[in-house]
């Protein structure tokens, strides 16, 4: 889902850029990048944390914001 969000114009530009950077990062850096993107998504949209985790592809260990 993260790759789709990175092109959706309804998603804030900062989030799209963070998602694109995370998806382009080496595998060992990808989770940290996705967490940063998820934090931005949570803060900028107010989407529920559980939904943000699911959309970005993070597990329940990630705590939003």
PDB file of N, CA and C in Angstrom:
ATOM      1  N   UNK A   1       0.820  -1.183   0.000  1.00  0.00           N
ATOM      2  CA  UNK A   1       0.000   0.000   0.000  1.00  0.00           C
ATOM      3  C   UNK A   1       0.872   1.258   0.000  1.00  0.00           C
ATOM      4  N   UNK A   2       2.031   1.193   0.644  1.00  0.00           N
ATOM      5  CA  UNK A   2       2.910   2.359   0.728  1.00  0.00           C
ATOM      6  C   UNK A   2       3.292   2.872  -0.650  1.00  0.00           C
ATOM      7  N   UNK A   3       3.544   1.971  -1.580  1.00  0.00           N
ATOM      8  CA  UNK A   3       3.935   2.418  -2.920  1.00  0.00           C
ATOM      9  C   UNK A   3       2.778   3.142  -3.609  1.00  0.00           C
ATOM     10  N   UNK A   4       1.554   2.720  -3.370  1.00  0.00           N
ATOM     11  CA  UNK A   4       0.399   3.416  -3.940  1.00  0.00           C
ATOM     12  C   UNK A   4       0.217   4.794  -3.315  1.00  0.00           C
ATOM     13  N   UNK A   5       0.398   4.869  -2.007  1.00  0.00           N
ATOM     14  CA  UNK A   5       0.262   6.150  -1.316  1.00  0.00           C
ATOM     15  C   UNK A   5       1.290   7.166  -1.802  1.00  0.00           C
ATOM     16  N   UNK A   6       2.454   6.683  -2.209  1.00  0.00           N
ATOM     17  CA  UNK A   6       3.522   7.599  -2.617  1.00  0.00           C
ATOM     18  C   UNK A   6       3.185   8.348  -3.903  1.00  0.00           C
ATOM     19  N   UNK A   7       2.124   7.935  -4.597  1.00  0.00           N
ATOM     20  CA  UNK A   7       1.711   8.615  -5.830  1.00  0.00           C
ATOM     21  C   UNK A   7       0.329   9.244  -5.749  1.00  0.00           C
ATOM     22  N   UNK A   8      -0.355   9.066  -4.644  1.00  0.00           N
ATOM     23  CA  UNK A   8      -1.713   9.584  -4.484  1.00  0.00           C
ATOM     24  C   UNK A   8      -1.672  11.070  -4.139  1.00  0.00           C
ATOM     25  N   UNK A   9      -2.257  11.886  -4.983  1.00  0.00           N
ATOM     26  CA  UNK A   9      -2.227  13.335  -4.776  1.00  0.00           C
ATOM     27  C   UNK A   9      -3.036  13.793  -3.566  1.00  0.00           C
ATOM     28  N   UNK A  10      -3.865  12.916  -3.009  1.00  0.00           N
ATOM     29  CA  UNK A  10      -4.594  13.254  -1.792  1.00  0.00           C
ATOM     30  C   UNK A  10      -3.716  13.133  -0.547  1.00  0.00           C
ATOM     31  N   UNK A  11      -2.578  12.468  -0.700  1.00  0.00           N
ATOM     32  CA  UNK A  11      -1.623  12.312   0.397  1.00  0.00           C
ATOM     33  C   UNK A  11      -0.703  13.531   0.379  1.00  0.00           C
ATOM     34  N   UNK A  12      -0.437  14.140   1.545  1.00  0.00           N
ATOM     35  CA  UNK A  12       0.438  15.317   1.569  1.00  0.00           C
ATOM     36  C   UNK A  12       1.792  15.044   0.898  1.00  0.00           C
ATOM     37  N   UNK A  13       2.303  16.053   0.225  1.00  0.00           N
ATOM     38  CA  UNK A  13       3.551  15.925  -0.521  1.00  0.00           C
ATOM     39  C   UNK A  13       4.701  15.442   0.360  1.00  0.00           C
ATOM     40  N   UNK A  14       4.790  15.944   1.585  1.00  0.00           N
ATOM     41  CA  UNK A  14       5.881  15.526   2.473  1.00  0.00           C
ATOM     42  C   UNK A  14       5.830  14.030   2.752  1.00  0.00           C
ATOM     43  N   UNK A  15       4.632  13.508   2.890  1.00  0.00           N
ATOM     44  CA  UNK A  15       4.453  12.077   3.140  1.00  0.00           C
ATOM     45  C   UNK A  15       4.827  11.280   1.891  1.00  0.00           C
ATOM     46  N   UNK A  16       4.370  11.735   0.735  1.00  0.00           N
ATOM     47  CA  UNK A  16       4.704  11.043  -0.516  1.00  0.00           C
ATOM     48  C   UNK A  16       6.216  10.989  -0.728  1.00  0.00           C
ATOM     49  N   UNK A  17       6.888  12.102  -0.480  1.00  0.00           N
ATOM     50  CA  UNK A  17       8.343  12.135  -0.646  1.00  0.00           C
ATOM     51  C   UNK A  17       9.034  11.202   0.338  1.00  0.00           C
ATOM     52  N   UNK A  18       8.557  11.182   1.582  1.00  0.00           N
ATOM     53  CA  UNK A  18       9.145  10.293   2.590  1.00  0.00           C
ATOM     54  C   UNK A  18       8.924   8.825   2.224  1.00  0.00           C
ATOM     55  N   UNK A  19       7.761   8.514   1.708  1.00  0.00           N
ATOM     56  CA  UNK A  19       7.476   7.135   1.293  1.00  0.00           C
ATOM     57  C   UNK A  19       8.359   6.721   0.117  1.00  0.00           C
ATOM     58  N   UNK A  20       8.502   7.596  -0.854  1.00  0.00           N
ATOM     59  CA  UNK A  20       9.353   7.286  -2.006  1.00  0.00           C
ATOM     60  C   UNK A  20      10.793   7.061  -1.570  1.00  0.00           C
ATOM     61  N   UNK A  21      11.278   7.890  -0.654  1.00  0.00           N
ATOM     62  CA  UNK A  21      12.654   7.738  -0.154  1.00  0.00           C
ATOM     63  C   UNK A  21      12.804   6.425   0.606  1.00  0.00           C
ATOM     64  N   UNK A  22      11.815   6.086   1.417  1.00  0.00           N
ATOM     65  CA  UNK A  22      11.874   4.842   2.187  1.00  0.00           C
ATOM     66  C   UNK A  22      11.862   3.630   1.272  1.00  0.00           C
ATOM     67  N   UNK A  23      11.035   3.672   0.256  1.00  0.00           N
ATOM     68  CA  UNK A  23      10.929   2.531  -0.656  1.00  0.00           C
ATOM     69  C   UNK A  23      12.173   2.376  -1.531  1.00  0.00           C
ATOM     70  N   UNK A  24      12.885   3.473  -1.757  1.00  0.00           N
ATOM     71  CA  UNK A  24      14.109   3.431  -2.557  1.00  0.00           C
ATOM     72  C   UNK A  24      15.344   3.110  -1.717  1.00  0.00           C
ATOM     73  N   UNK A  25      15.209   3.152  -0.408  1.00  0.00           N
ATOM     74  CA  UNK A  25      16.343   2.925   0.503  1.00  0.00           C
ATOM     75  C   UNK A  25      16.747   1.457   0.508  1.00  0.00           C
ATOM     76  N   UNK A  26      17.996   1.200   0.900  1.00  0.00           N
ATOM     77  CA  UNK A  26      18.428  -0.196   1.065  1.00  0.00           C
ATOM     78  C   UNK A  26      17.535  -0.899   2.096  1.00  0.00           C
ATOM     79  N   UNK A  27      17.405  -2.184   1.962  1.00  0.00           N
ATOM     80  CA  UNK A  27      16.491  -2.963   2.813  1.00  0.00           C
ATOM     81  C   UNK A  27      16.702  -2.720   4.303  1.00  0.00           C
ATOM     82  N   UNK A  28      17.954  -2.603   4.731  1.00  0.00           N
ATOM     83  CA  UNK A  28      18.216  -2.438   6.165  1.00  0.00           C
ATOM     84  C   UNK A  28      17.818  -1.049   6.684  1.00  0.00           C
ATOM     85  N   UNK A  29      17.524  -0.110   5.806  1.00  0.00           N
ATOM     86  CA  UNK A  29      17.105   1.236   6.206  1.00  0.00           C
ATOM     87  C   UNK A  29      15.623   1.485   5.962  1.00  0.00           C
ATOM     88  N   UNK A  30      14.961   0.569   5.302  1.00  0.00           N
ATOM     89  CA  UNK A  30      13.580   0.776   4.867  1.00  0.00           C
ATOM     90  C   UNK A  30      12.600   0.958   6.025  1.00  0.00           C
ATOM     91  N   UNK A  31      12.714   0.144   7.072  1.00  0.00           N
ATOM     92  CA  UNK A  31      11.763   0.245   8.193  1.00  0.00           C
ATOM     93  C   UNK A  31      11.822   1.611   8.861  1.00  0.00           C
ATOM     94  N   UNK A  32      13.030   2.145   9.036  1.00  0.00           N
ATOM     95  CA  UNK A  32      13.170   3.467   9.660  1.00  0.00           C
ATOM     96  C   UNK A  32      12.530   4.532   8.776  1.00  0.00           C
ATOM     97  N   UNK A  33      12.716   4.421   7.477  1.00  0.00           N
ATOM     98  CA  UNK A  33      12.111   5.375   6.552  1.00  0.00           C
ATOM     99  C   UNK A  33      10.599   5.286   6.544  1.00  0.00           C
ATOM    100  N   UNK A  34      10.086   4.080   6.591  1.00  0.00           N
ATOM    101  CA  UNK A  34       8.631   3.899   6.641  1.00  0.00           C
ATOM    102  C   UNK A  34       8.056   4.445   7.946  1.00  0.00           C
ATOM    103  N   UNK A  35       8.793   4.278   9.031  1.00  0.00           N
ATOM    104  CA  UNK A  35       8.344   4.817  10.316  1.00  0.00           C
ATOM    105  C   UNK A  35       8.286   6.344  10.263  1.00  0.00           C
ATOM    106  N   UNK A  36       9.271   6.966   9.643  1.00  0.00           N
ATOM    107  CA  UNK A  36       9.263   8.424   9.497  1.00  0.00           C
ATOM    108  C   UNK A  36       8.079   8.877   8.649  1.00  0.00           C
ATOM    109  N   UNK A  37       7.838   8.175   7.565  1.00  0.00           N
ATOM    110  CA  UNK A  37       6.703   8.501   6.703  1.00  0.00           C
ATOM    111  C   UNK A  37       5.388   8.312   7.449  1.00  0.00           C
ATOM    112  N   UNK A  38       5.299   7.262   8.236  1.00  0.00           N
ATOM    113  CA  UNK A  38       4.078   6.999   9.006  1.00  0.00           C
ATOM    114  C   UNK A  38       3.836   8.107  10.025  1.00  0.00           C
ATOM    115  N   UNK A  39       4.896   8.572  10.654  1.00  0.00           N
ATOM    116  CA  UNK A  39       4.761   9.666  11.620  1.00  0.00           C
ATOM    117  C   UNK A  39       4.219  10.913  10.929  1.00  0.00           C
ATOM    118  N   UNK A  40       4.759  11.229   9.775  1.00  0.00           N
ATOM    119  CA  UNK A  40       4.261  12.379   9.011  1.00  0.00           C
ATOM    120  C   UNK A  40       2.795  12.194   8.626  1.00  0.00           C
ATOM    121  N   UNK A  41       2.458  11.008   8.155  1.00  0.00           N
ATOM    122  CA  UNK A  41       1.077  10.722   7.758  1.00  0.00           C
ATOM    123  C   UNK A  41       0.127  10.890   8.938  1.00  0.00           C
ATOM    124  N   UNK A  42       0.526  10.385  10.087  1.00  0.00           N
ATOM    125  CA  UNK A  42      -0.282  10.492  11.295  1.00  0.00           C
ATOM    126  C   UNK A  42      -0.468  11.950  11.701  1.00  0.00           C
ATOM    127  N   UNK A  43       0.612  12.709  11.716  1.00  0.00           N
ATOM    128  CA  UNK A  43       0.558  14.110  12.154  1.00  0.00           C
ATOM    129  C   UNK A  43      -0.181  15.006  11.169  1.00  0.00           C
ATOM    130  N   UNK A  44       0.023  14.774   9.883  1.00  0.00           N
ATOM    131  CA  UNK A  44      -0.533  15.687   8.891  1.00  0.00           C
ATOM    132  C   UNK A  44      -1.965  15.377   8.481  1.00  0.00           C
ATOM    133  N   UNK A  45      -2.436  14.173   8.769  1.00  0.00           N
ATOM    134  CA  UNK A  45      -3.786  13.820   8.335  1.00  0.00           C
ATOM    135  C   UNK A  45      -4.731  13.499   9.479  1.00  0.00           C
ATOM    136  N   UNK A  46      -4.192  13.121  10.619  1.00  0.00           N
ATOM    137  CA  UNK A  46      -5.054  12.738  11.728  1.00  0.00           C
ATOM    138  C   UNK A  46      -5.649  11.347  11.575  1.00  0.00           C
ATOM    139  N   UNK A  47      -5.144  10.571  10.619  1.00  0.00           N
ATOM    140  CA  UNK A  47      -5.606   9.197  10.459  1.00  0.00           C
ATOM    141  C   UNK A  47      -5.218   8.407  11.708  1.00  0.00           C
ATOM    142  N   UNK A  48      -6.088   7.544  12.150  1.00  0.00           N
ATOM    143  CA  UNK A  48      -5.855   6.718  13.327  1.00  0.00           C
ATOM    144  C   UNK A  48      -4.529   5.965  13.207  1.00  0.00           C
ATOM    145  N   UNK A  49      -3.807   5.859  14.302  1.00  0.00           N
ATOM    146  CA  UNK A  49      -2.494   5.220  14.314  1.00  0.00           C
ATOM    147  C   UNK A  49      -2.529   3.791  13.773  1.00  0.00           C
ATOM    148  N   UNK A  50      -3.522   3.035  14.159  1.00  0.00           N
ATOM    149  CA  UNK A  50      -3.634   1.661  13.676  1.00  0.00           C
ATOM    150  C   UNK A  50      -3.762   1.619  12.160  1.00  0.00           C
ATOM    151  N   UNK A  51      -4.532   2.541  11.623  1.00  0.00           N
ATOM    152  CA  UNK A  51      -4.713   2.612  10.178  1.00  0.00           C
ATOM    153  C   UNK A  51      -3.431   3.053   9.479  1.00  0.00           C
ATOM    154  N   UNK A  52      -2.730   3.989  10.074  1.00  0.00           N
ATOM    155  CA  UNK A  52      -1.450   4.446   9.511  1.00  0.00           C
ATOM    156  C   UNK A  52      -0.475   3.279   9.431  1.00  0.00           C
ATOM    157  N   UNK A  53      -0.377   2.512  10.503  1.00  0.00           N
ATOM    158  CA  UNK A  53       0.530   1.345  10.505  1.00  0.00           C
ATOM    159  C   UNK A  53       0.178   0.392   9.372  1.00  0.00           C
ATOM    160  N   UNK A  54      -1.092   0.128   9.215  1.00  0.00           N
ATOM    161  CA  UNK A  54      -1.526  -0.802   8.176  1.00  0.00           C
ATOM    162  C   UNK A  54      -1.241  -0.242   6.777  1.00  0.00           C
ATOM    163  N   UNK A  55      -1.538   1.030   6.574  1.00  0.00           N
ATOM    164  CA  UNK A  55      -1.317   1.648   5.267  1.00  0.00           C
ATOM    165  C   UNK A  55       0.149   1.639   4.857  1.00  0.00           C
ATOM    166  N   UNK A  56       1.014   1.902   5.810  1.00  0.00           N
ATOM    167  CA  UNK A  56       2.445   2.005   5.508  1.00  0.00           C
ATOM    168  C   UNK A  56       3.140   0.650   5.574  1.00  0.00           C
ATOM    169  N   UNK A  57       2.534  -0.301   6.260  1.00  0.00           N
ATOM    170  CA  UNK A  57       3.117  -1.639   6.322  1.00  0.00           C
ATOM    171  C   UNK A  57       4.031  -1.859   7.506  1.00  0.00           C
ATOM    172  N   UNK A  58       3.693  -1.252   8.636  1.00  0.00           N
ATOM    173  CA  UNK A  58       4.480  -1.432   9.852  1.00  0.00           C
ATOM    174  C   UNK A  58       3.730  -2.321  10.822  1.00  0.00           C
ATOM    175  N   UNK A  59       4.466  -2.969  11.706  1.00  0.00           N
ATOM    176  CA  UNK A  59       3.820  -3.841  12.689  1.00  0.00           C
ATOM    177  C   UNK A  59       3.337  -3.058  13.898  1.00  0.00           C
ATOM    178  N   UNK A  60       2.726  -3.749  14.830  1.00  0.00           N
ATOM    179  CA  UNK A  60       2.134  -3.110  16.004  1.00  0.00           C
ATOM    180  C   UNK A  60       3.153  -2.500  16.952  1.00  0.00           C
ATOM    181  N   UNK A  61       4.425  -2.811  16.783  1.00  0.00           N
ATOM    182  CA  UNK A  61       5.460  -2.245  17.649  1.00  0.00           C
ATOM    183  C   UNK A  61       5.683  -0.764  17.381  1.00  0.00           C
ATOM    184  N   UNK A  62       5.301  -0.302  16.178  1.00  0.00           N
ATOM    185  CA  UNK A  62       5.462   1.106  15.842  1.00  0.00           C
ATOM    186  C   UNK A  62       4.433   1.926  16.600  1.00  0.00           C
ATOM    187  N   UNK A  63       4.895   2.973  17.296  1.00  0.00           N
ATOM    188  CA  UNK A  63       4.015   3.881  18.022  1.00  0.00           C
ATOM    189  C   UNK A  63       3.957   5.201  17.264  1.00  0.00           C
ATOM    190  N   UNK A  64       2.819   5.615  16.861  1.00  0.00           N
ATOM    191  CA  UNK A  64       2.670   6.834  16.062  1.00  0.00           C
ATOM    192  C   UNK A  64       3.087   8.069  16.835  1.00  0.00           C
ATOM    193  N   UNK A  65       3.625   9.006  16.074  1.00  0.00           N
ATOM    194  CA  UNK A  65       3.872  10.357  16.483  1.00  0.00           C
ATOM    195  C   UNK A  65       4.763  10.649  17.585  1.00  0.00           C
TER     196      UNK A  65
END
